[in-house]
């Protein structure tokens, strides 16, 4: 879709009743432009579901903080773990 940017660390998805839950984890400040990119992804997803709602969570989580547990990930950036 052309919306994956270098600062995007991961995208997780969940479902609650008729609501799609999207979790976007960004490394660094979330600018208006970044917010718009992630919102556009949610818009593209919801367009495929006629009676669902969407709840976007756009979260700043700077590397090397670990990504939280989610059962379903649709994208995870490859990150090198510090071995020192």
PDB file of N, CA and C in Angstrom:
ATOM      1  N   UNK A   1       0.817  -1.200   0.000  1.00  0.00           N
ATOM      2  CA  UNK A   1       0.000   0.000   0.000  1.00  0.00           C
ATOM      3  C   UNK A   1       0.854   1.255   0.000  1.00  0.00           C
ATOM      4  N   UNK A   2       2.159   1.117   0.181  1.00  0.00           N
ATOM      5  CA  UNK A   2       3.018   2.295   0.153  1.00  0.00           C
ATOM      6  C   UNK A   2       2.974   3.137   1.400  1.00  0.00           C
ATOM      7  N   UNK A   3       2.409   2.636   2.487  1.00  0.00           N
ATOM      8  CA  UNK A   3       2.291   3.407   3.723  1.00  0.00           C
ATOM      9  C   UNK A   3       3.258   2.941   4.802  1.00  0.00           C
ATOM     10  N   UNK A   4       4.019   1.876   4.557  1.00  0.00           N
ATOM     11  CA  UNK A   4       4.972   1.398   5.554  1.00  0.00           C
ATOM     12  C   UNK A   4       6.201   2.297   5.508  1.00  0.00           C
ATOM     13  N   UNK A   5       6.472   2.954   6.620  1.00  0.00           N
ATOM     14  CA  UNK A   5       7.578   3.900   6.704  1.00  0.00           C
ATOM     15  C   UNK A   5       8.658   3.311   7.615  1.00  0.00           C
ATOM     16  N   UNK A   6       9.897   3.774   7.498  1.00  0.00           N
ATOM     17  CA  UNK A   6      10.994   3.183   8.280  1.00  0.00           C
ATOM     18  C   UNK A   6      10.793   3.206   9.793  1.00  0.00           C
ATOM     19  N   UNK A   7      10.062   4.162  10.321  1.00  0.00           N
ATOM     20  CA  UNK A   7       9.885   4.242  11.774  1.00  0.00           C
ATOM     21  C   UNK A   7       8.808   3.299  12.299  1.00  0.00           C
ATOM     22  N   UNK A   8       8.062   2.646  11.424  1.00  0.00           N
ATOM     23  CA  UNK A   8       7.021   1.704  11.849  1.00  0.00           C
ATOM     24  C   UNK A   8       7.673   0.419  12.348  1.00  0.00           C
ATOM     25  N   UNK A   9       7.516   0.138  13.615  1.00  0.00           N
ATOM     26  CA  UNK A   9       8.122  -1.059  14.210  1.00  0.00           C
ATOM     27  C   UNK A   9       7.222  -2.273  14.077  1.00  0.00           C
ATOM     28  N   UNK A  10       5.924  -2.065  14.166  1.00  0.00           N
ATOM     29  CA  UNK A  10       5.025  -3.205  14.086  1.00  0.00           C
ATOM     30  C   UNK A  10       3.573  -2.792  14.023  1.00  0.00           C
ATOM     31  N   UNK A  11       2.766  -3.709  13.491  1.00  0.00           N
ATOM     32  CA  UNK A  11       1.319  -3.524  13.438  1.00  0.00           C
ATOM     33  C   UNK A  11       0.679  -4.817  13.919  1.00  0.00           C
ATOM     34  N   UNK A  12      -0.141  -4.704  14.946  1.00  0.00           N
ATOM     35  CA  UNK A  12      -0.880  -5.847  15.474  1.00  0.00           C
ATOM     36  C   UNK A  12      -2.363  -5.610  15.239  1.00  0.00           C
ATOM     37  N   UNK A  13      -3.104  -6.707  15.168  1.00  0.00           N
ATOM     38  CA  UNK A  13      -4.539  -6.606  14.916  1.00  0.00           C
ATOM     39  C   UNK A  13      -5.294  -7.490  15.891  1.00  0.00           C
ATOM     40  N   UNK A  14      -6.473  -7.028  16.255  1.00  0.00           N
ATOM     41  CA  UNK A  14      -7.363  -7.796  17.116  1.00  0.00           C
ATOM     42  C   UNK A  14      -8.800  -7.532  16.706  1.00  0.00           C
ATOM     43  N   UNK A  15      -9.721  -8.150  17.413  1.00  0.00           N
ATOM     44  CA  UNK A  15     -11.137  -8.034  17.069  1.00  0.00           C
ATOM     45  C   UNK A  15     -11.938  -8.048  18.348  1.00  0.00           C
ATOM     46  N   UNK A  16     -12.892  -7.137  18.484  1.00  0.00           N
ATOM     47  CA  UNK A  16     -13.781  -7.090  19.630  1.00  0.00           C
ATOM     48  C   UNK A  16     -15.186  -6.773  19.129  1.00  0.00           C
ATOM     49  N   UNK A  17     -16.109  -7.724  19.314  1.00  0.00           N
ATOM     50  CA  UNK A  17     -17.461  -7.600  18.767  1.00  0.00           C
ATOM     51  C   UNK A  17     -17.371  -7.301  17.273  1.00  0.00           C
ATOM     52  N   UNK A  18     -17.828  -6.133  16.843  1.00  0.00           N
ATOM     53  CA  UNK A  18     -17.753  -5.762  15.423  1.00  0.00           C
ATOM     54  C   UNK A  18     -16.702  -4.675  15.192  1.00  0.00           C
ATOM     55  N   UNK A  19     -15.693  -4.632  16.044  1.00  0.00           N
ATOM     56  CA  UNK A  19     -14.668  -3.601  15.941  1.00  0.00           C
ATOM     57  C   UNK A  19     -13.306  -4.227  15.664  1.00  0.00           C
ATOM     58  N   UNK A  20     -12.651  -3.745  14.627  1.00  0.00           N
ATOM     59  CA  UNK A  20     -11.280  -4.148  14.319  1.00  0.00           C
ATOM     60  C   UNK A  20     -10.357  -3.266  15.151  1.00  0.00           C
ATOM     61  N   UNK A  21      -9.443  -3.881  15.875  1.00  0.00           N
ATOM     62  CA  UNK A  21      -8.482  -3.155  16.697  1.00  0.00           C
ATOM     63  C   UNK A  21      -7.130  -3.196  16.001  1.00  0.00           C
ATOM     64  N   UNK A  22      -6.592  -2.040  15.683  1.00  0.00           N
ATOM     65  CA  UNK A  22      -5.272  -1.945  15.057  1.00  0.00           C
ATOM     66  C   UNK A  22      -4.326  -1.224  16.010  1.00  0.00           C
ATOM     67  N   UNK A  23      -3.133  -1.778  16.156  1.00  0.00           N
ATOM     68  CA  UNK A  23      -2.104  -1.197  17.016  1.00  0.00           C
ATOM     69  C   UNK A  23      -0.875  -0.916  16.163  1.00  0.00           C
ATOM     70  N   UNK A  24      -0.554   0.350  15.994  1.00  0.00           N
ATOM     71  CA  UNK A  24       0.618   0.778  15.243  1.00  0.00           C
ATOM     72  C   UNK A  24       1.679   1.219  16.246  1.00  0.00           C
ATOM     73  N   UNK A  25       2.878   0.636  16.169  1.00  0.00           N
ATOM     74  CA  UNK A  25       3.980   1.006  17.059  1.00  0.00           C
ATOM     75  C   UNK A  25       5.034   1.732  16.237  1.00  0.00           C
ATOM     76  N   UNK A  26       5.310   2.965  16.639  1.00  0.00           N
ATOM     77  CA  UNK A  26       6.232   3.830  15.910  1.00  0.00           C
ATOM     78  C   UNK A  26       7.464   4.136  16.748  1.00  0.00           C
ATOM     79  N   UNK A  27       8.608   4.146  16.093  1.00  0.00           N
ATOM     80  CA  UNK A  27       9.877   4.491  16.732  1.00  0.00           C
ATOM     81  C   UNK A  27      10.124   5.979  16.496  1.00  0.00           C
ATOM     82  N   UNK A  28       9.893   6.792  17.516  1.00  0.00           N
ATOM     83  CA  UNK A  28      10.099   8.230  17.387  1.00  0.00           C
ATOM     84  C   UNK A  28       8.793   9.007  17.433  1.00  0.00           C
ATOM     85  N   UNK A  29       8.941  10.305  17.297  1.00  0.00           N
ATOM     86  CA  UNK A  29       7.807  11.226  17.376  1.00  0.00           C
ATOM     87  C   UNK A  29       6.774  10.896  16.308  1.00  0.00           C
ATOM     88  N   UNK A  30       5.509  10.965  16.695  1.00  0.00           N
ATOM     89  CA  UNK A  30       4.415  10.735  15.755  1.00  0.00           C
ATOM     90  C   UNK A  30       3.953  12.089  15.234  1.00  0.00           C
ATOM     91  N   UNK A  31       4.425  12.414  14.052  1.00  0.00           N
ATOM     92  CA  UNK A  31       4.053  13.682  13.413  1.00  0.00           C
ATOM     93  C   UNK A  31       2.660  13.552  12.785  1.00  0.00           C
ATOM     94  N   UNK A  32       2.120  14.672  12.346  1.00  0.00           N
ATOM     95  CA  UNK A  32       0.834  14.641  11.648  1.00  0.00           C
ATOM     96  C   UNK A  32       0.911  13.771  10.397  1.00  0.00           C
ATOM     97  N   UNK A  33       2.034  13.846   9.694  1.00  0.00           N
ATOM     98  CA  UNK A  33       2.214  13.044   8.478  1.00  0.00           C
ATOM     99  C   UNK A  33       2.226  11.547   8.798  1.00  0.00           C
ATOM    100  N   UNK A  34       2.915  11.159   9.860  1.00  0.00           N
ATOM    101  CA  UNK A  34       2.948   9.756  10.269  1.00  0.00           C
ATOM    102  C   UNK A  34       1.557   9.307  10.704  1.00  0.00           C
ATOM    103  N   UNK A  35       0.881  10.123  11.478  1.00  0.00           N
ATOM    104  CA  UNK A  35      -0.479   9.802  11.916  1.00  0.00           C
ATOM    105  C   UNK A  35      -1.383   9.563  10.708  1.00  0.00           C
ATOM    106  N   UNK A  36      -1.266  10.428   9.705  1.00  0.00           N
ATOM    107  CA  UNK A  36      -2.072  10.285   8.488  1.00  0.00           C
ATOM    108  C   UNK A  36      -1.751   8.992   7.744  1.00  0.00           C
ATOM    109  N   UNK A  37      -0.472   8.618   7.673  1.00  0.00           N
ATOM    110  CA  UNK A  37      -0.077   7.364   7.014  1.00  0.00           C
ATOM    111  C   UNK A  37      -0.741   6.179   7.688  1.00  0.00           C
ATOM    112  N   UNK A  38      -0.665   6.117   9.003  1.00  0.00           N
ATOM    113  CA  UNK A  38      -1.229   4.981   9.726  1.00  0.00           C
ATOM    114  C   UNK A  38      -2.750   4.988   9.652  1.00  0.00           C
ATOM    115  N   UNK A  39      -3.359   6.157   9.709  1.00  0.00           N
ATOM    116  CA  UNK A  39      -4.813   6.249   9.585  1.00  0.00           C
ATOM    117  C   UNK A  39      -5.273   5.767   8.213  1.00  0.00           C
ATOM    118  N   UNK A  40      -4.485   6.056   7.191  1.00  0.00           N
ATOM    119  CA  UNK A  40      -4.815   5.611   5.828  1.00  0.00           C
ATOM    120  C   UNK A  40      -4.829   4.085   5.756  1.00  0.00           C
ATOM    121  N   UNK A  41      -3.922   3.430   6.449  1.00  0.00           N
ATOM    122  CA  UNK A  41      -3.912   1.962   6.480  1.00  0.00           C
ATOM    123  C   UNK A  41      -5.223   1.457   7.082  1.00  0.00           C
ATOM    124  N   UNK A  42      -5.648   2.058   8.181  1.00  0.00           N
ATOM    125  CA  UNK A  42      -6.911   1.669   8.801  1.00  0.00           C
ATOM    126  C   UNK A  42      -8.090   1.886   7.881  1.00  0.00           C
ATOM    127  N   UNK A  43      -8.080   2.980   7.150  1.00  0.00           N
ATOM    128  CA  UNK A  43      -9.156   3.275   6.202  1.00  0.00           C
ATOM    129  C   UNK A  43      -9.221   2.219   5.106  1.00  0.00           C
ATOM    130  N   UNK A  44      -8.068   1.812   4.594  1.00  0.00           N
ATOM    131  CA  UNK A  44      -8.027   0.777   3.555  1.00  0.00           C
ATOM    132  C   UNK A  44      -8.562  -0.550   4.086  1.00  0.00           C
ATOM    133  N   UNK A  45      -8.234  -0.881   5.320  1.00  0.00           N
ATOM    134  CA  UNK A  45      -8.702  -2.145   5.899  1.00  0.00           C
ATOM    135  C   UNK A  45     -10.209  -2.124   6.104  1.00  0.00           C
ATOM    136  N   UNK A  46     -10.725  -1.063   6.700  1.00  0.00           N
ATOM    137  CA  UNK A  46     -12.147  -1.004   7.018  1.00  0.00           C
ATOM    138  C   UNK A  46     -13.007  -0.974   5.758  1.00  0.00           C
ATOM    139  N   UNK A  47     -12.452  -0.537   4.648  1.00  0.00           N
ATOM    140  CA  UNK A  47     -13.235  -0.487   3.402  1.00  0.00           C
ATOM    141  C   UNK A  47     -13.622  -1.887   2.924  1.00  0.00           C
ATOM    142  N   UNK A  48     -12.937  -2.921   3.412  1.00  0.00           N
ATOM    143  CA  UNK A  48     -13.259  -4.295   3.032  1.00  0.00           C
ATOM    144  C   UNK A  48     -14.333  -4.928   3.919  1.00  0.00           C
ATOM    145  N   UNK A  49     -14.791  -4.212   4.942  1.00  0.00           N
ATOM    146  CA  UNK A  49     -15.788  -4.736   5.868  1.00  0.00           C
ATOM    147  C   UNK A  49     -16.973  -3.787   5.916  1.00  0.00           C
ATOM    148  N   UNK A  50     -18.144  -4.290   5.525  1.00  0.00           N
ATOM    149  CA  UNK A  50     -19.296  -3.397   5.383  1.00  0.00           C
ATOM    150  C   UNK A  50     -19.908  -2.955   6.708  1.00  0.00           C
ATOM    151  N   UNK A  51     -19.870  -3.802   7.730  1.00  0.00           N
ATOM    152  CA  UNK A  51     -20.556  -3.433   8.968  1.00  0.00           C
ATOM    153  C   UNK A  51     -19.644  -3.385  10.191  1.00  0.00           C
ATOM    154  N   UNK A  52     -18.366  -3.275   9.982  1.00  0.00           N
ATOM    155  CA  UNK A  52     -17.416  -3.238  11.098  1.00  0.00           C
ATOM    156  C   UNK A  52     -16.986  -1.808  11.398  1.00  0.00           C
ATOM    157  N   UNK A  53     -16.510  -1.610  12.599  1.00  0.00           N
ATOM    158  CA  UNK A  53     -15.899  -0.350  13.015  1.00  0.00           C
ATOM    159  C   UNK A  53     -14.405  -0.587  13.143  1.00  0.00           C
ATOM    160  N   UNK A  54     -13.651   0.483  13.269  1.00  0.00           N
ATOM    161  CA  UNK A  54     -12.203   0.350  13.446  1.00  0.00           C
ATOM    162  C   UNK A  54     -11.760   1.249  14.592  1.00  0.00           C
ATOM    163  N   UNK A  55     -10.825   0.751  15.364  1.00  0.00           N
ATOM    164  CA  UNK A  55     -10.264   1.517  16.476  1.00  0.00           C
ATOM    165  C   UNK A  55      -8.744   1.466  16.321  1.00  0.00           C
ATOM    166  N   UNK A  56      -8.174   2.575  15.861  1.00  0.00           N
ATOM    167  CA  UNK A  56      -6.724   2.674  15.660  1.00  0.00           C
ATOM    168  C   UNK A  56      -6.052   3.120  16.955  1.00  0.00           C
ATOM    169  N   UNK A  57      -4.965   2.458  17.286  1.00  0.00           N
ATOM    170  CA  UNK A  57      -4.118   2.865  18.405  1.00  0.00           C
ATOM    171  C   UNK A  57      -2.747   3.162  17.807  1.00  0.00           C
ATOM    172  N   UNK A  58      -2.365   4.411  17.784  1.00  0.00           N
ATOM    173  CA  UNK A  58      -1.083   4.819  17.220  1.00  0.00           C
ATOM    174  C   UNK A  58      -0.189   5.185  18.393  1.00  0.00           C
ATOM    175  N   UNK A  59       0.835   4.347  18.617  1.00  0.00           N
ATOM    176  CA  UNK A  59       1.596   4.385  19.863  1.00  0.00           C
ATOM    177  C   UNK A  59       3.075   4.636  19.580  1.00  0.00           C
ATOM    178  N   UNK A  60       3.650   5.570  20.312  1.00  0.00           N
ATOM    179  CA  UNK A  60       5.096   5.754  20.240  1.00  0.00           C
ATOM    180  C   UNK A  60       5.750   4.755  21.186  1.00  0.00           C
ATOM    181  N   UNK A  61       6.629   3.932  20.635  1.00  0.00           N
ATOM    182  CA  UNK A  61       7.370   2.956  21.427  1.00  0.00           C
ATOM    183  C   UNK A  61       8.758   2.867  20.826  1.00  0.00           C
ATOM    184  N   UNK A  62       9.674   3.624  21.411  1.00  0.00           N
ATOM    185  CA  UNK A  62      11.016   3.750  20.845  1.00  0.00           C
ATOM    186  C   UNK A  62      11.845   2.486  21.046  1.00  0.00           C
ATOM    187  N   UNK A  63      12.585   2.132  20.003  1.00  0.00           N
ATOM    188  CA  UNK A  63      13.562   1.045  20.067  1.00  0.00           C
ATOM    189  C   UNK A  63      14.648   1.461  21.050  1.00  0.00           C
ATOM    190  N   UNK A  64      15.115   0.622  21.943  1.00  0.00           N
ATOM    191  CA  UNK A  64      15.000  -0.836  21.997  1.00  0.00           C
ATOM    192  C   UNK A  64      13.922  -1.373  22.941  1.00  0.00           C
ATOM    193  N   UNK A  65      12.959  -0.550  23.349  1.00  0.00           N
ATOM    194  CA  UNK A  65      11.882  -1.065  24.182  1.00  0.00           C
ATOM    195  C   UNK A  65      11.196  -2.207  23.433  1.00  0.00           C
ATOM    196  N   UNK A  66      10.922  -3.309  24.104  1.00  0.00           N
ATOM    197  CA  UNK A  66      10.309  -4.439  23.402  1.00  0.00           C
ATOM    198  C   UNK A  66       8.859  -4.164  23.021  1.00  0.00           C
ATOM    199  N   UNK A  67       8.466  -4.730  21.905  1.00  0.00           N
ATOM    200  CA  UNK A  67       7.069  -4.655  21.502  1.00  0.00           C
ATOM    201  C   UNK A  67       6.247  -5.515  22.454  1.00  0.00           C
ATOM    202  N   UNK A  68       5.030  -5.082  22.777  1.00  0.00           N
ATOM    203  CA  UNK A  68       4.203  -5.869  23.696  1.00  0.00           C
ATOM    204  C   UNK A  68       3.666  -7.126  23.015  1.00  0.00           C
ATOM    205  N   UNK A  69       3.121  -8.008  23.829  1.00  0.00           N
ATOM    206  CA  UNK A  69       2.525  -9.226  23.287  1.00  0.00           C
ATOM    207  C   UNK A  69       1.199  -8.898  22.606  1.00  0.00           C
ATOM    208  N   UNK A  70       1.034  -9.426  21.420  1.00  0.00           N
ATOM    209  CA  UNK A  70      -0.240  -9.456  20.714  1.00  0.00           C
ATOM    210  C   UNK A  70      -0.337 -10.830  20.073  1.00  0.00           C
ATOM    211  N   UNK A  71      -1.522 -11.359  20.018  1.00  0.00           N
ATOM    212  CA  UNK A  71      -1.697 -12.681  19.420  1.00  0.00           C
ATOM    213  C   UNK A  71      -1.476 -12.653  17.911  1.00  0.00           C
ATOM    214  N   UNK A  72      -1.885 -11.553  17.267  1.00  0.00           N
ATOM    215  CA  UNK A  72      -1.804 -11.490  15.809  1.00  0.00           C
ATOM    216  C   UNK A  72      -1.034 -10.246  15.358  1.00  0.00           C
ATOM    217  N   UNK A  73       0.090 -10.486  14.721  1.00  0.00           N
ATOM    218  CA  UNK A  73       0.899  -9.416  14.132  1.00  0.00           C
ATOM    219  C   UNK A  73       0.758  -9.487  12.615  1.00  0.00           C
ATOM    220  N   UNK A  74       0.565  -8.340  11.983  1.00  0.00           N
ATOM    221  CA  UNK A  74       0.529  -8.319  10.520  1.00  0.00           C
ATOM    222  C   UNK A  74       1.820  -7.760   9.948  1.00  0.00           C
ATOM    223  N   UNK A  75       2.607  -7.102  10.793  1.00  0.00           N
ATOM    224  CA  UNK A  75       3.910  -6.572  10.379  1.00  0.00           C
ATOM    225  C   UNK A  75       4.789  -6.409  11.598  1.00  0.00           C
ATOM    226  N   UNK A  76       6.031  -6.843  11.489  1.00  0.00           N
ATOM    227  CA  UNK A  76       7.051  -6.571  12.505  1.00  0.00           C
ATOM    228  C   UNK A  76       8.348  -6.235  11.788  1.00  0.00           C
ATOM    229  N   UNK A  77       8.912  -5.093  12.136  1.00  0.00           N
ATOM    230  CA  UNK A  77      10.189  -4.681  11.576  1.00  0.00           C
ATOM    231  C   UNK A  77      11.285  -5.579  12.132  1.00  0.00           C
ATOM    232  N   UNK A  78      12.230  -5.964  11.282  1.00  0.00           N
ATOM    233  CA  UNK A  78      13.368  -6.752  11.768  1.00  0.00           C
ATOM    234  C   UNK A  78      14.249  -5.830  12.593  1.00  0.00           C
ATOM    235  N   UNK A  79      14.480  -6.228  13.844  1.00  0.00           N
ATOM    236  CA  UNK A  79      15.298  -5.425  14.746  1.00  0.00           C
ATOM    237  C   UNK A  79      16.403  -6.306  15.320  1.00  0.00           C
ATOM    238  N   UNK A  80      17.583  -5.767  15.397  1.00  0.00           N
ATOM    239  CA  UNK A  80      18.719  -6.504  15.929  1.00  0.00           C
ATOM    240  C   UNK A  80      18.756  -6.297  17.441  1.00  0.00           C
ATOM    241  N   UNK A  81      18.765  -7.396  18.154  1.00  0.00           N
ATOM    242  CA  UNK A  81      18.822  -7.327  19.618  1.00  0.00           C
ATOM    243  C   UNK A  81      20.261  -7.090  20.060  1.00  0.00           C
ATOM    244  N   UNK A  82      20.419  -6.272  21.079  1.00  0.00           N
ATOM    245  CA  UNK A  82      21.735  -5.998  21.645  1.00  0.00           C
ATOM    246  C   UNK A  82      22.223  -7.243  22.386  1.00  0.00           C
ATOM    247  N   UNK A  83      23.367  -7.769  21.989  1.00  0.00           N
ATOM    248  CA  UNK A  83      23.902  -8.978  22.605  1.00  0.00           C
ATOM    249  C   UNK A  83      25.032  -8.685  23.582  1.00  0.00           C
ATOM    250  N   UNK A  84      25.299  -7.412  23.834  1.00  0.00           N
ATOM    251  CA  UNK A  84      26.405  -7.078  24.755  1.00  0.00           C
ATOM    252  C   UNK A  84      25.971  -7.125  26.190  1.00  0.00           C
TER     253      UNK A  84
END
